[in-house]
Amino acid sequence: MSDLLFRFTNDPTLPVEWYRGDQGDDQVQRGSMSELAQQAAGHRCVLAADGSQILLTRAQVPSRNKSTVLRAIPYAVEDQFAEDVDELHFAIGERDSGEGIAVAVVREALIKDWIDCCQESGISLSAVVPEPLLLPFKEGETVLLADGERVLVRTGEVAGYAADRDMLPVLFNPETGTEESLAIANSEEGIDPGRPVMRVYGDIDPALLPSSDGIDIQLQPLEVAPLVVLAHQFRPASSFNLLQGAHSPRARVGRLLRPWRGVAVLCVLLLLTQFGANLVERFRLQRESELLSQRLEQIYRRAFPDARKGGDPRLLMESRLKAMRQAGSGGQIGLLDLLAQTGPLLTAASEIQITGLNYREGGLTLSVSATSLQAVDQLRQSLVSSRPLEVEIQAASSRDGKVNSRLLLRETAS
């Protein structure tokens, strides 16, 4: 993901300027917040915060516990501010070799205005970095960047400020001991204290700078816009980010989700209720399935008393029925085939009523009740003529005006 670095301007008609690292040129654009939002899609948005509104300092806190450090920092540096610490936002950096902790301080209302302005325009901030900390820097150097009527100054890894040009004579007045303080700072960094280095980018009147007698002043032309210089120095993993504590991305997400917490709890309860109902329904269906399986096995046992125990009753019944269709063994005709062939004739015989049947070893025994013996004989002849069958009247008796007879049907031997 490419970076988009932007900052606010003093021009009400073009309140913001930005630079996109993926444009392939060093062109800085100016426009409204809505225009910036259109450009920001798919980019890591970084605000270069006004260096004149931020104090970069150091504090001594002996504790190594981060939460303890965060609580102690405001009171460790409160003597540097006229405001109440509750009205300020504090961000911390890494601890240095001297056990000092880098601290950036900005008014709470100001950083909140920056964030709210971006959110209202649909811009999601990834980082807010003080302008001075985006200057190109080497240990032991002081770096100045001409930025319109202002000058950005970086004096350390996490040290610097922004000031108007006309303030430079005061800031670098020899009577304030600037050369001496630079030499001491360089000495602490292990650099030769005899000749401190000051790199100056852009057009700054040398008369506004300290005397070159004790400082090596290196003037370098500024070939691109100041914002481009700042953008090229941003490093997502290491640049000092003011979005900490209550303004960290995680905290902002928490604030956005807080109004929906009750809805989320209700949704969870509904899901748990639905899950419980589904669980109960599953147990009920499982119980019904077990009862149906038991019922099917009972039917199978009644239909086939000689069947062995074990196995799926449905599959066993299908197997037995298939065997019956194939007439078992020895080429005998199956029960279902016999019924399929003789069924229409038995149904058509209105004077005949079937009272029982029995199938065994390829033979189907029909017990019938007829109005007369002649009707029984007609049924026998119909069965014989419809298919080569052997039909034998095994018994016949008359009772209460009905003829009860038993017929044996077999396939005619070829």
Protein backbone atom coordinates (compact mmCIF):
# COMPACT_ATOMS: atom_id res chain seq x y z
CA MET A 1 0.00 0.00 0.00
CA SER A 2 1.44 3.37 -1.02
CA ASP A 3 1.48 6.40 1.27
CA LEU A 4 -0.42 9.66 0.94
CA LEU A 5 1.09 12.40 3.11
CA PHE A 6 -1.00 15.51 3.65
CA ARG A 7 -1.16 18.55 5.91
CA PHE A 8 -3.47 21.46 6.55
CA THR A 9 -2.75 24.91 5.08
CA ASN A 10 -3.70 28.45 6.06
CA ASP A 11 -5.61 28.96 2.79
CA PRO A 12 -9.36 28.63 3.46
CA THR A 13 -10.08 28.05 -0.25
CA LEU A 14 -7.52 25.20 -0.48
CA PRO A 15 -7.35 23.95 3.10
CA VAL A 16 -5.20 20.90 2.51
CA GLU A 17 -2.21 19.84 0.39
CA TRP A 18 -1.05 16.31 -0.28
CA TYR A 19 1.51 14.16 -2.03
CA ARG A 20 1.01 10.60 -3.25
CA GLY A 21 4.06 8.39 -3.44
CA ASP A 22 2.66 6.34 -6.34
CA GLN A 23 2.23 9.25 -8.76
CA GLY A 24 5.69 8.88 -10.26
CA ASP A 25 6.48 12.60 -9.96
CA ASP A 26 7.07 15.18 -7.24
CA GLN A 27 3.86 17.12 -7.80
CA VAL A 28 2.07 18.40 -4.69
CA GLN A 29 -1.67 18.90 -5.02
CA ARG A 30 -3.93 21.31 -3.18
CA GLY A 31 -7.68 21.19 -2.73
CA SER A 32 -10.60 20.56 -0.44
CA MET A 33 -11.07 17.71 2.03
CA SER A 34 -13.53 16.03 -0.33
CA GLU A 35 -10.95 16.10 -3.13
CA LEU A 36 -8.39 14.65 -0.76
CA ALA A 37 -10.83 11.88 0.21
CA GLN A 38 -11.17 10.91 -3.46
CA GLN A 39 -7.39 10.64 -3.74
CA ALA A 40 -7.02 8.78 -0.46
CA ALA A 41 -8.87 5.59 -1.46
CA GLY A 42 -6.53 2.61 -1.25
CA HIS A 43 -3.68 4.58 0.34
CA ARG A 44 -2.12 4.81 3.79
CA CYS A 45 -3.11 8.32 4.89
CA VAL A 46 -0.56 10.17 7.03
CA LEU A 47 -1.01 13.64 8.49
CA ALA A 48 2.13 15.76 8.80
CA ALA A 49 1.12 17.64 11.95
CA ASP A 50 1.99 21.31 12.40
CA GLY A 51 5.32 21.35 14.23
CA SER A 52 4.56 24.70 15.87
CA GLN A 53 1.64 23.06 17.73
CA ILE A 54 3.66 20.15 19.12
CA LEU A 55 6.27 20.06 21.86
CA LEU A 56 8.92 17.37 21.52
CA THR A 57 10.72 16.72 24.79
CA ARG A 58 12.12 13.94 26.98
CA ALA A 59 11.13 12.62 30.36
CA GLN A 60 12.78 10.43 32.98
CA VAL A 61 10.51 7.64 34.19
CA PRO A 62 12.28 4.73 35.90
CA SER A 63 9.49 2.19 35.45
CA ARG A 64 9.62 -0.25 32.54
CA ASN A 65 5.92 -1.03 32.70
CA LYS A 66 4.26 0.69 29.73
CA SER A 67 0.97 1.43 31.49
CA THR A 68 2.86 2.94 34.44
CA VAL A 69 4.98 5.03 32.07
CA LEU A 70 1.88 6.34 30.29
CA ARG A 71 0.33 7.39 33.59
CA ALA A 72 3.53 8.99 34.86
CA ILE A 73 4.61 10.91 31.73
CA PRO A 74 2.10 13.81 32.05
CA TYR A 75 3.25 14.59 35.55
CA ALA A 76 6.92 14.16 34.68
CA VAL A 77 6.75 17.03 32.17
CA GLU A 78 3.84 19.09 33.50
CA ASP A 79 6.13 21.91 34.63
CA GLN A 80 6.79 22.67 30.96
CA PHE A 81 3.15 23.62 30.28
CA ALA A 82 0.74 26.29 31.36
CA GLU A 83 -2.26 24.08 30.52
CA ASP A 84 -3.66 21.38 32.74
CA VAL A 85 -2.32 17.96 31.77
CA ASP A 86 -5.90 16.76 31.29
CA GLU A 87 -6.17 19.16 28.34
CA LEU A 88 -3.10 17.66 26.64
CA HIS A 89 -2.44 14.53 24.61
CA PHE A 90 0.83 12.67 25.24
CA ALA A 91 2.54 10.21 22.90
CA ILE A 92 5.74 8.40 23.77
CA GLY A 93 8.64 6.97 21.80
CA GLU A 94 11.51 4.63 22.54
CA ARG A 95 13.70 4.84 25.64
CA ASP A 96 17.23 6.08 24.84
CA SER A 97 20.56 4.94 26.26
CA GLY A 98 20.30 7.57 28.96
CA GLU A 99 16.98 6.08 30.14
CA GLY A 100 15.08 9.11 28.81
CA ILE A 101 11.79 8.61 27.01
CA ALA A 102 10.85 10.69 23.96
CA VAL A 103 7.55 12.51 24.48
CA ALA A 104 5.36 14.46 22.04
CA VAL A 105 2.71 16.75 23.51
CA VAL A 106 -0.19 18.41 21.69
CA ARG A 107 -3.43 19.94 22.88
CA GLU A 108 -6.16 17.30 23.13
CA ALA A 109 -8.73 19.54 21.43
CA LEU A 110 -6.41 20.12 18.47
CA ILE A 111 -5.60 16.50 17.69
CA LYS A 112 -9.27 15.65 18.13
CA ASP A 113 -10.14 18.38 15.57
CA TRP A 114 -7.64 16.88 13.12
CA ILE A 115 -9.07 13.40 13.50
CA ASP A 116 -12.71 14.52 13.38
CA CYS A 117 -12.09 16.59 10.26
CA CYS A 118 -10.67 13.53 8.50
CA GLN A 119 -13.41 11.19 9.69
CA GLU A 120 -16.13 13.59 8.54
CA SER A 121 -14.56 13.55 5.06
CA GLY A 122 -14.29 9.76 5.02
CA ILE A 123 -10.50 9.67 5.48
CA SER A 124 -9.09 7.00 7.77
CA LEU A 125 -5.86 8.17 9.40
CA SER A 126 -3.04 5.66 9.71
CA ALA A 127 -0.60 8.02 11.40
CA VAL A 128 -0.11 11.59 12.63
CA VAL A 129 3.59 12.51 12.56
CA PRO A 130 5.10 15.85 13.70
CA GLU A 131 6.57 17.71 10.72
CA PRO A 132 10.08 18.13 12.22
CA LEU A 133 10.42 14.36 12.66
CA LEU A 134 9.94 13.88 8.90
CA LEU A 135 13.11 15.83 8.04
CA PRO A 136 16.09 13.83 6.70
CA PHE A 137 18.34 13.35 9.68
CA LYS A 138 21.70 11.95 10.76
CA GLU A 139 22.84 11.60 14.33
CA GLY A 140 24.71 14.64 15.59
CA GLU A 141 23.31 17.04 12.98
CA THR A 142 20.86 19.89 13.13
CA VAL A 143 18.60 20.02 10.03
CA LEU A 144 16.67 23.05 8.79
CA LEU A 145 14.09 23.07 6.00
CA ALA A 146 12.71 26.28 4.51
CA ASP A 147 8.93 25.95 4.30
CA GLY A 148 7.41 29.20 3.08
CA GLU A 149 7.45 31.71 5.89
CA ARG A 150 8.33 28.95 8.33
CA VAL A 151 11.40 26.88 9.06
CA LEU A 152 11.25 23.28 10.23
CA VAL A 153 14.11 22.32 12.55
CA ARG A 154 15.18 18.86 13.67
CA THR A 155 17.79 18.59 16.39
CA GLY A 156 17.58 14.92 17.35
CA GLU A 157 15.99 11.56 16.71
CA VAL A 158 12.81 12.75 18.43
CA ALA A 159 13.53 16.45 18.86
CA GLY A 160 12.72 19.54 16.85
CA TYR A 161 10.26 22.34 16.28
CA ALA A 162 8.77 24.70 13.69
CA ALA A 163 9.22 28.47 13.83
CA ASP A 164 8.75 31.57 11.73
CA ARG A 165 11.80 32.66 9.76
CA ASP A 166 12.08 35.92 11.71
CA MET A 167 12.51 33.89 14.90
CA LEU A 168 15.78 32.29 13.73
CA PRO A 169 18.02 35.13 14.97
CA VAL A 170 16.56 34.61 18.42
CA LEU A 171 16.83 30.82 18.25
CA PHE A 172 20.41 30.95 16.95
CA ASN A 173 21.64 33.99 18.84
CA PRO A 174 25.27 33.37 19.83
CA GLU A 175 24.50 34.79 23.26
CA THR A 176 22.18 31.84 23.91
CA GLY A 177 25.07 29.45 23.57
CA THR A 178 23.83 27.67 20.45
CA GLU A 179 27.27 26.60 19.27
CA GLU A 180 28.13 25.29 22.72
CA SER A 181 24.87 23.34 23.07
CA LEU A 182 25.31 21.81 19.60
CA ALA A 183 28.83 20.73 20.48
CA ILE A 184 27.64 19.14 23.71
CA ALA A 185 24.82 17.31 21.91
CA ASN A 186 27.21 15.97 19.30
CA SER A 187 29.63 14.91 21.98
CA GLU A 188 26.90 12.88 23.67
CA GLU A 189 26.27 11.10 20.36
CA GLY A 190 29.94 10.20 20.03
CA ILE A 191 30.62 12.77 17.30
CA ASP A 192 33.59 15.10 17.19
CA PRO A 193 32.42 18.08 19.27
CA GLY A 194 34.82 20.43 17.59
CA ARG A 195 32.70 21.09 14.53
CA PRO A 196 28.92 20.60 14.83
CA VAL A 197 27.04 20.18 11.53
CA MET A 198 23.97 22.11 10.43
CA ARG A 199 22.35 21.13 7.12
CA VAL A 200 20.09 23.76 5.62
CA TYR A 201 17.62 22.83 2.87
CA GLY A 202 16.16 25.64 0.80
CA ASP A 203 16.63 29.37 0.62
CA ILE A 204 17.38 30.73 4.09
CA ASP A 205 19.25 33.96 4.56
CA PRO A 206 22.66 33.08 6.06
CA ALA A 207 22.33 36.14 8.26
CA LEU A 208 19.54 34.35 10.11
CA LEU A 209 21.81 31.36 10.84
CA PRO A 210 24.41 31.02 13.60
CA SER A 211 27.99 32.02 12.97
CA SER A 212 29.85 29.55 10.77
CA ASP A 213 32.96 29.94 12.90
CA GLY A 214 31.95 27.19 15.28
CA ILE A 215 29.45 25.26 13.14
CA ASP A 216 29.82 23.52 9.78
CA ILE A 217 26.82 24.93 7.90
CA GLN A 218 25.99 22.98 4.74
CA LEU A 219 23.58 24.76 2.38
CA GLN A 220 21.68 22.42 0.07
CA PRO A 221 19.25 23.48 -2.66
CA LEU A 222 15.62 22.44 -2.32
CA GLU A 223 14.60 21.02 -5.71
CA VAL A 224 11.16 19.74 -4.65
CA ALA A 225 8.32 21.02 -2.52
CA PRO A 226 8.87 20.73 1.25
CA LEU A 227 5.97 18.28 1.54
CA VAL A 228 7.73 15.91 -0.89
CA VAL A 229 10.84 15.96 1.30
CA LEU A 230 8.71 15.05 4.32
CA ALA A 231 6.86 12.32 2.44
CA HIS A 232 10.09 10.61 1.38
CA GLN A 233 11.17 10.30 5.02
CA PHE A 234 8.01 8.63 6.33
CA ARG A 235 8.52 5.04 7.50
CA PRO A 236 5.33 3.22 8.62
CA ALA A 237 7.17 1.01 11.10
CA SER A 238 9.45 3.58 12.72
CA SER A 239 8.11 7.13 12.27
CA PHE A 240 6.83 8.70 15.50
CA ASN A 241 3.04 8.36 15.52
CA LEU A 242 0.85 10.60 17.71
CA LEU A 243 -2.09 8.20 17.36
CA GLN A 244 -1.62 6.56 20.74
CA GLY A 245 -3.77 5.97 23.80
CA ALA A 246 -7.32 7.24 23.33
CA HIS A 247 -6.56 8.13 19.71
CA SER A 248 -5.01 4.82 18.66
CA PRO A 249 -6.76 2.96 15.81
CA ARG A 250 -7.89 0.27 18.25
CA ALA A 251 -9.40 2.83 20.63
CA ARG A 252 -11.17 4.59 17.74
CA VAL A 253 -12.69 1.32 16.61
CA GLY A 254 -13.82 0.67 20.18
CA ARG A 255 -15.56 4.06 20.30
CA LEU A 256 -17.28 3.38 16.99
CA LEU A 257 -18.50 -0.01 18.20
CA ARG A 258 -19.58 1.16 21.65
CA PRO A 259 -23.06 2.39 20.56
CA TRP A 260 -23.66 -1.01 18.95
CA ARG A 261 -22.64 -2.99 22.00
CA GLY A 262 -26.25 -3.50 23.15
CA VAL A 263 -27.29 -4.60 19.67
CA ALA A 264 -24.34 -6.99 19.54
CA VAL A 265 -25.30 -8.50 22.91
CA LEU A 266 -28.89 -8.93 21.73
CA CYS A 267 -27.69 -10.59 18.53
CA VAL A 268 -25.51 -12.96 20.52
CA LEU A 269 -28.45 -13.86 22.76
CA LEU A 270 -30.64 -14.48 19.72
CA LEU A 271 -27.95 -16.66 18.18
CA LEU A 272 -27.59 -18.64 21.40
CA THR A 273 -31.37 -19.06 21.60
CA GLN A 274 -31.51 -20.24 17.99
CA PHE A 275 -28.58 -22.57 18.59
CA GLY A 276 -30.34 -24.04 21.64
CA ALA A 277 -33.57 -24.51 19.67
CA ASN A 278 -31.65 -26.20 16.84
CA LEU A 279 -29.92 -28.45 19.35
CA VAL A 280 -33.23 -29.50 20.90
CA GLU A 281 -34.70 -30.12 17.44
CA ARG A 282 -31.68 -32.21 16.51
CA PHE A 283 -32.09 -34.42 19.58
CA ARG A 284 -35.80 -34.79 18.81
CA LEU A 285 -35.17 -35.82 15.21
CA GLN A 286 -32.43 -38.18 16.33
CA ARG A 287 -34.84 -39.82 18.79
CA GLU A 288 -37.50 -40.15 16.07
CA SER A 289 -34.92 -41.70 13.77
CA GLU A 290 -34.03 -44.27 16.43
CA LEU A 291 -37.71 -45.11 16.99
CA LEU A 292 -38.29 -45.49 13.24
CA SER A 293 -35.27 -47.78 12.99
CA GLN A 294 -36.63 -49.90 15.83
CA ARG A 295 -40.07 -50.02 14.18
CA LEU A 296 -38.54 -51.02 10.85
CA GLU A 297 -36.60 -53.83 12.50
CA GLN A 298 -39.79 -55.10 14.14
CA ILE A 299 -41.55 -55.17 10.78
CA TYR A 300 -38.58 -56.95 9.25
CA ARG A 301 -38.57 -59.57 12.03
CA ARG A 302 -42.27 -60.25 11.62
CA ALA A 303 -41.92 -60.55 7.85
CA PHE A 304 -38.82 -62.73 8.04
CA PRO A 305 -38.79 -64.60 11.38
CA ASP A 306 -35.85 -66.73 10.26
CA ALA A 307 -33.62 -63.70 9.59
CA ARG A 308 -30.41 -63.35 11.50
CA LYS A 309 -29.90 -60.45 13.89
CA GLY A 310 -27.67 -57.52 13.04
CA GLY A 311 -27.40 -55.15 10.13
CA ASP A 312 -29.53 -52.40 8.69
CA PRO A 313 -33.16 -53.62 8.56
CA ARG A 314 -33.88 -51.55 5.47
CA LEU A 315 -30.94 -53.01 3.55
CA LEU A 316 -31.72 -56.52 4.77
CA MET A 317 -35.34 -56.22 3.68
CA GLU A 318 -34.32 -54.93 0.26
CA SER A 319 -31.97 -57.89 -0.07
CA ARG A 320 -34.69 -60.39 0.87
CA LEU A 321 -37.18 -58.81 -1.52
CA LYS A 322 -34.62 -58.90 -4.29
CA ALA A 323 -34.06 -62.57 -3.59
CA MET A 324 -37.81 -63.16 -3.73
CA ARG A 325 -37.95 -61.42 -7.12
CA GLN A 326 -35.27 -63.75 -8.40
CA ALA A 327 -37.17 -66.74 -7.01
CA GLY A 328 -34.40 -67.79 -4.70
CA SER A 329 -32.50 -70.49 -6.57
CA GLY A 330 -33.03 -73.23 -9.14
CA GLY A 331 -34.65 -70.93 -11.71
CA GLN A 332 -37.96 -70.74 -9.85
CA ILE A 333 -40.30 -67.87 -10.62
CA GLY A 334 -40.44 -65.19 -7.91
CA LEU A 335 -43.42 -64.25 -5.79
CA LEU A 336 -43.58 -60.72 -7.13
CA ASP A 337 -43.44 -61.99 -10.69
CA LEU A 338 -46.29 -64.36 -9.97
CA LEU A 339 -48.35 -61.61 -8.41
CA ALA A 340 -47.58 -59.27 -11.28
CA GLN A 341 -48.79 -61.82 -13.81
CA THR A 342 -51.84 -63.11 -11.98
CA GLY A 343 -52.91 -59.92 -10.18
CA PRO A 344 -55.02 -58.44 -13.02
CA LEU A 345 -56.87 -61.78 -13.51
CA LEU A 346 -57.55 -62.15 -9.79
CA THR A 347 -58.84 -58.57 -9.62
CA ALA A 348 -61.07 -59.06 -12.68
CA ALA A 349 -62.71 -62.18 -11.20
CA SER A 350 -65.60 -60.48 -9.39
CA GLU A 351 -67.00 -63.78 -8.11
CA ILE A 352 -63.70 -64.65 -6.45
CA GLN A 353 -62.43 -63.27 -3.14
CA ILE A 354 -58.88 -64.02 -2.02
CA THR A 355 -58.78 -64.95 1.62
CA GLY A 356 -55.09 -65.85 1.91
CA LEU A 357 -51.88 -66.62 0.09
CA ASN A 358 -48.64 -68.39 0.85
CA TYR A 359 -45.46 -68.57 -1.19
CA ARG A 360 -42.98 -71.35 -0.75
CA GLU A 361 -40.28 -72.84 -2.98
CA GLY A 362 -41.55 -71.27 -6.17
CA GLY A 363 -45.20 -72.12 -5.55
CA LEU A 364 -47.97 -69.70 -4.67
CA THR A 365 -50.92 -71.10 -2.75
CA LEU A 366 -54.11 -69.03 -3.03
CA SER A 367 -57.00 -69.44 -0.62
CA VAL A 368 -60.17 -68.17 -2.30
CA SER A 369 -63.85 -67.89 -1.59
CA ALA A 370 -66.18 -68.15 -4.61
CA THR A 371 -69.90 -68.15 -5.32
CA SER A 372 -69.58 -71.55 -7.04
CA LEU A 373 -67.13 -74.27 -7.97
CA GLN A 374 -67.63 -73.27 -11.60
CA ALA A 375 -66.22 -69.81 -10.82
CA VAL A 376 -63.15 -71.42 -9.28
CA ASP A 377 -62.63 -73.56 -12.37
CA GLN A 378 -63.01 -70.54 -14.66
CA LEU A 379 -60.31 -68.74 -12.65
CA ARG A 380 -58.01 -71.75 -12.99
CA GLN A 381 -58.48 -71.82 -16.75
CA SER A 382 -57.81 -68.06 -17.02
CA LEU A 383 -54.60 -68.43 -15.10
CA VAL A 384 -53.43 -71.35 -17.19
CA SER A 385 -54.19 -69.59 -20.48
CA SER A 386 -52.60 -66.25 -19.54
CA ARG A 387 -49.17 -67.73 -18.93
CA PRO A 388 -47.74 -71.23 -18.93
CA LEU A 389 -48.61 -72.02 -15.32
CA GLU A 390 -49.54 -75.17 -13.56
CA VAL A 391 -52.69 -74.48 -11.55
CA GLU A 392 -53.86 -77.21 -9.24
CA ILE A 393 -57.06 -77.15 -7.18
CA GLN A 394 -55.84 -78.75 -3.98
CA ALA A 395 -59.03 -78.56 -1.99
CA ALA A 396 -62.61 -77.35 -2.30
CA SER A 397 -65.47 -77.26 0.15
CA SER A 398 -68.89 -75.68 0.32
CA ARG A 399 -70.22 -73.86 3.34
CA ASP A 400 -72.95 -71.28 3.87
CA GLY A 401 -73.47 -70.95 0.13
CA LYS A 402 -69.79 -70.28 -0.51
CA VAL A 403 -67.14 -72.47 -2.07
CA ASN A 404 -63.82 -72.30 -0.26
CA SER A 405 -60.96 -73.57 -2.36
CA ARG A 406 -57.18 -73.67 -2.33
CA LEU A 407 -55.20 -73.33 -5.60
CA LEU A 408 -51.46 -73.98 -6.10
CA LEU A 409 -49.76 -71.99 -8.85
CA ARG A 410 -46.38 -73.02 -10.25
CA GLU A 411 -44.44 -72.14 -13.37
CA THR A 412 -44.78 -74.81 -16.03
CA ALA A 413 -41.65 -76.89 -16.24
CA SER A 414 -39.87 -76.43 -19.61
